[in-house]
Amino acid sequence: MATTLNAKKRETKQHSELKKLRDLGNIPGVIYGYKTENKSIFVSGIDFLKVIKEVGRNGVISLNVDGDKQNVVLSEFQEDSLKKELLHIDFKAVDLSAEMEADVKVELVGDSIGVKDGGVLQQAVHELTVSAKPNDIPDVIQVDVSSLQVGDTLTVSEIRNKFSYQIMQEDELTIASILAPRQEEEISTGEEQEPGMPDNVEGRETSPEGE
């Protein structure tokens, strides 16, 4: 059963009114998608963060908009990078019986043989797109790199059949590799986690409406 998040409709898109909502601890947003008209809403910032911590970045939420409940997922969010505050969120209404695509964080797990031998682990991909029913989309894809040796490369083709969901990227895409020690200076540390959201929650930014 999906975790419930209460929301209220809002009638205005004016900057001054949106600021008032945020000053009171709320986050303006919209809901769109399956069997729903686009609605402007707002939710409690505290309640929203609690729910996201519970269900994860791709979890299904029962959004209760003034008594009307709909199954939704967090689509996008926009934040103030200086204040680390969420400014706007988009919820997508979903059909639980139909497959959908979502971007999922990739987490490398295990102690690589190559690293133990002095090599350096390089993560080339930090996110993969998967297709599955909403309740089957994971919050994170854990990829075991413990068997990788210096010079080895791990591609999508080698993990594709290990999961029940479909990975949409091509087989040849490199996920991780073990570089020889002399190549260490070429390592890219990857993307930093988005501020203002709970751990392990990342998203694509979108512009808040009316601003």
Protein backbone atom coordinates (compact mmCIF):
# COMPACT_ATOMS: atom_id res chain seq x y z
CA MET A 1 0.00 0.00 0.00
CA ALA A 2 1.42 3.36 -1.06
CA THR A 3 2.41 5.93 1.55
CA THR A 4 0.00 8.87 1.65
CA LEU A 5 1.06 12.49 1.22
CA ASN A 6 -1.55 15.20 1.71
CA ALA A 7 -1.72 18.08 -0.75
CA LYS A 8 -3.95 21.08 -1.37
CA LYS A 9 -4.97 22.80 -4.57
CA ARG A 10 -3.68 26.30 -5.18
CA GLU A 11 -5.31 28.83 -7.45
CA THR A 12 -2.50 31.30 -7.98
CA LYS A 13 0.85 31.24 -9.74
CA GLN A 14 1.89 34.72 -8.63
CA HIS A 15 5.40 35.04 -7.29
CA SER A 16 4.24 36.77 -4.10
CA GLU A 17 1.76 34.00 -3.27
CA LEU A 18 4.30 31.27 -3.97
CA LYS A 19 6.74 33.02 -1.65
CA LYS A 20 4.08 33.11 1.10
CA LEU A 21 3.55 29.36 0.71
CA ARG A 22 7.27 28.69 1.00
CA ASP A 23 7.63 31.02 4.00
CA LEU A 24 4.99 28.87 5.75
CA GLY A 25 7.03 25.72 5.12
CA ASN A 26 5.15 24.50 2.05
CA ILE A 27 6.39 23.51 -1.41
CA PRO A 28 4.42 24.52 -4.54
CA GLY A 29 4.06 21.86 -7.19
CA VAL A 30 1.99 20.35 -9.98
CA ILE A 31 0.43 16.98 -10.67
CA TYR A 32 -0.05 15.65 -14.21
CA GLY A 33 -0.20 12.36 -16.07
CA TYR A 34 -2.42 9.29 -16.06
CA LYS A 35 -6.15 10.09 -15.99
CA THR A 36 -5.66 13.51 -14.46
CA GLU A 37 -5.79 17.11 -15.54
CA ASN A 38 -2.82 19.28 -14.69
CA LYS A 39 -3.34 20.67 -11.18
CA SER A 40 -1.40 23.27 -9.24
CA ILE A 41 -0.92 22.10 -5.66
CA PHE A 42 1.24 22.53 -2.59
CA VAL A 43 2.45 20.14 0.10
CA SER A 44 4.05 20.48 3.52
CA GLY A 45 7.83 20.50 3.14
CA ILE A 46 8.30 18.43 6.30
CA ASP A 47 5.72 15.83 5.24
CA PHE A 48 7.18 15.61 1.74
CA LEU A 49 10.71 14.92 2.97
CA LYS A 50 9.43 12.27 5.41
CA VAL A 51 7.59 10.47 2.61
CA ILE A 52 10.56 10.60 0.21
CA LYS A 53 12.85 9.21 2.90
CA GLU A 54 10.39 6.37 3.39
CA VAL A 55 9.58 5.42 -0.21
CA GLY A 56 12.75 6.57 -2.00
CA ARG A 57 13.32 8.65 -5.13
CA ASN A 58 11.24 6.38 -7.39
CA GLY A 59 8.67 5.12 -4.89
CA VAL A 60 4.92 5.28 -5.48
CA ILE A 61 3.09 7.87 -3.35
CA SER A 62 -0.65 8.10 -2.73
CA LEU A 63 -1.15 11.84 -3.21
CA ASN A 64 -4.31 13.00 -1.43
CA VAL A 65 -5.39 16.28 -3.06
CA ASP A 66 -8.29 17.58 -0.97
CA GLY A 67 -9.71 14.05 -0.62
CA ASP A 68 -8.94 12.89 -4.17
CA LYS A 69 -6.21 10.21 -4.02
CA GLN A 70 -3.94 9.38 -6.96
CA ASN A 71 -0.90 7.15 -7.30
CA VAL A 72 2.05 9.34 -8.26
CA VAL A 73 5.83 9.32 -8.46
CA LEU A 74 8.20 12.23 -7.98
CA SER A 75 9.02 13.40 -11.50
CA GLU A 76 11.23 16.46 -11.09
CA PHE A 77 12.14 19.08 -8.52
CA GLN A 78 13.77 22.48 -8.43
CA GLU A 79 15.77 23.85 -5.53
CA ASP A 80 17.63 26.90 -4.31
CA SER A 81 21.25 25.75 -4.34
CA LEU A 82 22.32 28.46 -1.90
CA LYS A 83 19.63 27.98 0.72
CA LYS A 84 19.32 24.24 -0.01
CA GLU A 85 15.55 24.61 -0.07
CA LEU A 86 13.10 22.90 -2.41
CA LEU A 87 11.25 25.45 -4.53
CA HIS A 88 8.98 23.36 -6.73
CA ILE A 89 8.08 19.71 -7.30
CA ASP A 90 6.37 17.82 -10.12
CA PHE A 91 4.32 14.69 -9.42
CA LYS A 92 3.44 12.31 -12.25
CA ALA A 93 0.23 10.28 -11.88
CA VAL A 94 0.88 6.66 -12.91
CA ASP A 95 -0.99 3.50 -13.86
CA LEU A 96 0.31 0.78 -11.52
CA SER A 97 -0.42 -1.92 -14.11
CA ALA A 98 1.57 -0.28 -16.94
CA GLU A 99 5.33 -0.13 -17.38
CA MET A 100 7.08 3.23 -17.26
CA GLU A 101 10.64 4.47 -17.56
CA ALA A 102 12.65 6.04 -14.75
CA ASP A 103 16.25 7.07 -14.15
CA VAL A 104 17.82 5.11 -11.29
CA LYS A 105 21.05 5.75 -9.41
CA VAL A 106 23.86 3.20 -9.87
CA GLU A 107 25.75 2.14 -6.75
CA LEU A 108 28.94 0.08 -7.00
CA VAL A 109 29.30 -2.52 -4.24
CA GLY A 110 31.98 -5.00 -3.25
CA ASP A 111 35.76 -4.80 -2.80
CA SER A 112 37.33 -5.12 -6.22
CA ILE A 113 40.27 -7.50 -6.71
CA GLY A 114 41.87 -4.89 -8.96
CA VAL A 115 41.66 -2.20 -6.29
CA LYS A 116 43.29 -4.56 -3.77
CA ASP A 117 46.09 -4.99 -6.31
CA GLY A 118 46.64 -1.22 -6.52
CA GLY A 119 44.26 -0.33 -9.34
CA VAL A 120 41.74 2.49 -9.22
CA LEU A 121 37.99 1.99 -9.61
CA GLN A 122 36.37 4.37 -12.09
CA GLN A 123 32.58 4.68 -12.25
CA ALA A 124 31.66 5.79 -15.77
CA VAL A 125 27.88 5.80 -15.31
CA HIS A 126 26.02 7.13 -12.26
CA GLU A 127 22.48 6.57 -13.52
CA LEU A 128 20.64 4.10 -15.77
CA THR A 129 17.17 4.25 -17.30
CA VAL A 130 14.95 1.26 -16.49
CA SER A 131 11.49 0.19 -17.59
CA ALA A 132 9.11 -1.56 -15.20
CA LYS A 133 5.76 -1.22 -13.47
CA PRO A 134 5.86 1.68 -10.97
CA ASN A 135 6.03 -0.55 -7.88
CA ASP A 136 8.89 -2.58 -9.41
CA ILE A 137 11.22 0.35 -10.15
CA PRO A 138 14.16 0.26 -7.71
CA ASP A 139 15.47 3.22 -5.77
CA VAL A 140 19.04 2.19 -6.59
CA ILE A 141 20.78 -0.35 -8.86
CA GLN A 142 23.54 -2.12 -6.95
CA VAL A 143 26.31 -3.43 -9.20
CA ASP A 144 28.86 -5.88 -7.78
CA VAL A 145 32.41 -5.03 -8.86
CA SER A 146 34.27 -7.41 -6.53
CA SER A 147 35.48 -9.67 -9.38
CA LEU A 148 36.95 -6.85 -11.50
CA GLN A 149 40.72 -6.92 -11.96
CA VAL A 150 43.10 -4.24 -13.20
CA GLY A 151 42.23 -3.53 -16.83
CA ASP A 152 38.73 -5.02 -16.58
CA THR A 153 35.62 -3.18 -17.76
CA LEU A 154 32.03 -3.86 -16.71
CA THR A 155 29.31 -3.13 -19.29
CA VAL A 156 25.51 -3.11 -19.28
CA SER A 157 25.43 -6.46 -21.09
CA GLU A 158 27.04 -8.14 -18.08
CA ILE A 159 24.35 -7.01 -15.61
CA ARG A 160 21.25 -6.87 -17.83
CA ASN A 161 19.95 -10.35 -16.93
CA LYS A 162 20.54 -9.97 -13.19
CA PHE A 163 17.44 -7.84 -12.62
CA SER A 164 13.71 -8.27 -13.19
CA TYR A 165 13.37 -4.83 -14.80
CA GLN A 166 14.60 -3.83 -18.26
CA ILE A 167 17.67 -1.61 -18.62
CA MET A 168 17.17 0.70 -21.58
CA GLN A 169 20.81 1.56 -22.37
CA GLU A 170 22.83 -0.31 -25.00
CA ASP A 171 24.88 -3.40 -24.10
CA GLU A 172 28.21 -1.71 -24.86
CA LEU A 173 27.80 1.10 -22.32
CA THR A 174 30.61 0.98 -19.73
CA ILE A 175 29.49 1.14 -16.11
CA ALA A 176 32.81 0.76 -14.32
CA SER A 177 36.43 -0.12 -14.96
CA ILE A 178 39.64 -0.69 -13.02
CA LEU A 179 42.49 1.57 -14.13
CA ALA A 180 46.16 0.91 -13.60
CA PRO A 181 47.62 3.05 -10.75
CA ARG A 182 49.38 5.43 -13.17
CA GLN A 183 45.99 6.47 -14.61
CA GLU A 184 44.67 7.62 -11.26
CA GLU A 185 44.94 11.32 -12.09
CA GLU A 186 42.42 10.80 -14.90
CA ILE A 187 39.68 9.67 -12.55
CA SER A 188 36.45 11.61 -12.63
CA THR A 189 34.72 11.74 -9.28
CA GLY A 190 31.29 11.95 -10.92
CA GLU A 191 28.28 13.99 -10.03
CA GLU A 192 27.76 15.43 -6.58
CA GLN A 193 24.54 14.61 -4.79
CA GLU A 194 21.80 17.17 -5.16
CA PRO A 195 21.56 19.35 -2.03
CA GLY A 196 18.29 19.91 -0.21
CA MET A 197 16.99 16.35 -0.55
CA PRO A 198 17.41 13.22 1.63
CA ASP A 199 20.33 10.85 1.09
CA ASN A 200 20.19 8.77 -2.11
CA VAL A 201 17.57 11.04 -3.65
CA GLU A 202 18.53 12.73 -6.91
CA GLY A 203 16.42 14.39 -9.54
CA ARG A 204 16.30 16.50 -12.62
CA GLU A 205 15.65 20.16 -12.03
CA THR A 206 12.70 21.99 -13.51
CA SER A 207 11.73 25.65 -13.48
CA PRO A 208 8.98 26.58 -11.01
CA GLU A 209 5.83 27.79 -12.71
CA GLY A 210 5.00 31.46 -12.47
CA GLU A 211 8.61 32.55 -11.96
